[in-house]
C-alpha atoms as a PDB file:
ATOM      1  CA  MET A   1       0.000   0.000   0.000  1.00  0.00           C
ATOM      2  CA  TYR A   2       1.304   3.422  -0.966  1.00  0.00           C
ATOM      3  CA  ASP A   3       1.385   6.457   1.325  1.00  0.00           C
ATOM      4  CA  ILE A   4      -0.116   8.993  -1.053  1.00  0.00           C
ATOM      5  CA  SER A   5       0.467  11.939   1.280  1.00  0.00           C
ATOM      6  CA  GLU A   6       4.156  11.072   1.550  1.00  0.00           C
ATOM      7  CA  ILE A   7       4.485  10.627  -2.215  1.00  0.00           C
ATOM      8  CA  LEU A   8       2.929  14.034  -2.844  1.00  0.00           C
ATOM      9  CA  ARG A   9       5.083  15.744  -0.177  1.00  0.00           C
ATOM     10  CA  SER A  10       8.171  14.122  -1.664  1.00  0.00           C
ATOM     11  CA  LEU A  11       7.271  15.194  -5.199  1.00  0.00           C
ATOM     12  CA  LEU A  12       6.641  18.747  -4.028  1.00  0.00           C
ATOM     13  CA  ASP A  13       9.979  18.820  -2.220  1.00  0.00           C
ATOM     14  CA  GLN A  14      11.726  17.381  -5.254  1.00  0.00           C
ATOM     15  CA  PHE A  15      10.186  19.550  -7.967  1.00  0.00           C
ATOM     16  CA  SER A  16       8.921  22.575  -5.987  1.00  0.00           C
ATOM     17  CA  ARG A  17       6.603  23.597  -8.822  1.00  0.00           C
ATOM     18  CA  THR A  18       3.080  22.239  -8.727  1.00  0.00           C
ATOM     19  CA  ASN A  19       2.712  21.934 -12.510  1.00  0.00           C
ATOM     20  CA  VAL A  20       5.722  19.578 -12.600  1.00  0.00           C
ATOM     21  CA  VAL A  21       4.334  17.653  -9.616  1.00  0.00           C
ATOM     22  CA  ASP A  22       0.994  17.370 -11.451  1.00  0.00           C
ATOM     23  CA  ARG A  23       2.590  15.845 -14.530  1.00  0.00           C
ATOM     24  CA  GLU A  24       4.796  13.479 -12.542  1.00  0.00           C
ATOM     25  CA  PHE A  25       1.987  12.249 -10.291  1.00  0.00           C
ATOM     26  CA  GLU A  26      -0.357  11.748 -13.237  1.00  0.00           C
ATOM     27  CA  ARG A  27       2.385   9.751 -14.991  1.00  0.00           C
ATOM     28  CA  MET A  28       2.861   7.630 -11.878  1.00  0.00           C
ATOM     29  CA  LEU A  29      -0.887   6.941 -11.686  1.00  0.00           C
ATOM     30  CA  ALA A  30      -0.995   5.925 -15.337  1.00  0.00           C
ATOM     31  CA  ASP A  31       1.951   3.546 -14.868  1.00  0.00           C
ATOM     32  CA  ASP A  32       0.855   1.794 -11.661  1.00  0.00           C
ATOM     33  CA  LYS A  33      -2.619   0.310 -11.144  1.00  0.00           C
ATOM     34  CA  ASN A  34      -1.952  -0.319  -7.439  1.00  0.00           C
ATOM     35  CA  LEU A  35      -0.974   3.298  -6.899  1.00  0.00           C
ATOM     36  CA  LYS A  36      -4.080   4.391  -8.764  1.00  0.00           C
ATOM     37  CA  GLN A  37      -6.323   2.279  -6.506  1.00  0.00           C
ATOM     38  CA  ASP A  38      -4.540   3.469  -3.368  1.00  0.00           C
ATOM     39  CA  TYR A  39      -5.016   7.031  -4.590  1.00  0.00           C
ATOM     40  CA  ARG A  40      -8.752   6.401  -5.094  1.00  0.00           C
ATOM     41  CA  ASP A  41      -8.987   5.032  -1.552  1.00  0.00           C
ATOM     42  CA  TRP A  42      -6.951   7.974  -0.208  1.00  0.00           C
ATOM     43  CA  CYS A  43      -9.324  10.429  -1.883  1.00  0.00           C
ATOM     44  CA  ASP A  44     -12.383   8.606  -0.525  1.00  0.00           C
ATOM     45  CA  ASP A  45     -10.938   8.498   3.000  1.00  0.00           C
ATOM     46  CA  ARG A  46     -10.228  12.230   2.993  1.00  0.00           C
ATOM     47  CA  GLY A  47     -13.276  13.425   1.087  1.00  0.00           C
ATOM     48  CA  TYR A  48     -11.306  14.570  -1.958  1.00  0.00           C
ATOM     49  CA  ASP A  49     -12.592  14.326  -5.502  1.00  0.00           C
ATOM     50  CA  TYR A  50     -10.536  11.821  -7.528  1.00  0.00           C
ATOM     51  CA  LYS A  51      -9.748  14.282 -10.313  1.00  0.00           C
ATOM     52  CA  THR A  52      -8.590  17.130  -8.080  1.00  0.00           C
ATOM     53  CA  GLY A  53      -7.687  15.449  -4.786  1.00  0.00           C
ATOM     54  CA  TYR A  54      -3.947  15.599  -5.118  1.00  0.00           C
ATOM     55  CA  GLN A  55      -4.084  19.218  -6.289  1.00  0.00           C
ATOM     56  CA  ASP A  56      -6.309  20.141  -3.344  1.00  0.00           C
ATOM     57  CA  TYR A  57      -3.922  18.376  -0.975  1.00  0.00           C
ATOM     58  CA  LEU A  58      -0.913  20.168  -2.475  1.00  0.00           C
ATOM     59  CA  ASP A  59      -2.698  23.524  -2.167  1.00  0.00           C
ATOM     60  CA  GLU A  60      -3.394  22.809   1.515  1.00  0.00           C
ATOM     61  CA  LEU A  61       0.195  21.702   2.061  1.00  0.00           C
ATOM     62  CA  ILE A  62       1.610  24.826   0.410  1.00  0.00           C
ATOM     63  CA  GLU A  63      -0.715  27.057   2.435  1.00  0.00           C
ATOM     64  CA  SER A  64       0.384  25.276   5.596  1.00  0.00           C
ATOM     65  CA  ARG A  65       4.055  25.741   4.736  1.00  0.00           C
ATOM     66  CA  ASP A  66       3.471  29.402   3.899  1.00  0.00           C
ATOM     67  CA  SER A  67       1.743  30.005   7.222  1.00  0.00           C
ATOM     68  CA  ILE A  68       4.688  28.445   9.073  1.00  0.00           C
ATOM     69  CA  TRP A  69       7.056  30.867   7.322  1.00  0.00           C
ATOM     70  CA  GLU A  70       4.754  33.812   8.000  1.00  0.00           C
ATOM     71  CA  GLU A  71       4.643  32.912  11.703  1.00  0.00           C
ATOM     72  CA  ALA A  72       8.438  32.541  11.835  1.00  0.00           C
ATOM     73  CA  ILE A  73       8.944  35.933  10.196  1.00  0.00           C
ATOM     74  CA  SER A  74       6.455  37.686  12.482  1.00  0.00           C
ATOM     75  CA  ASP A  75       8.117  36.088  15.518  1.00  0.00           C
ATOM     76  CA  ASP A  76      11.451  37.536  14.415  1.00  0.00           C
ATOM     77  CA  LEU A  77      10.032  41.041  14.144  1.00  0.00           C
END
């Protein structure tokens, strides 16, 4: 079983641009039926739509990371 959240975090760390992450994750889904099924289950478990779930998760992750930086900067001021 794949850890979809970890895969997406890793891709984002590796590529840092969401459009590259999108293409890479879509390629991975097309190449691996088990990953595709695990992704479907992951979306169902978290209430994400299959077509946009990973993008929604990445948006949430980026917002979370941004808020951490904003808090760190405001603490330094």
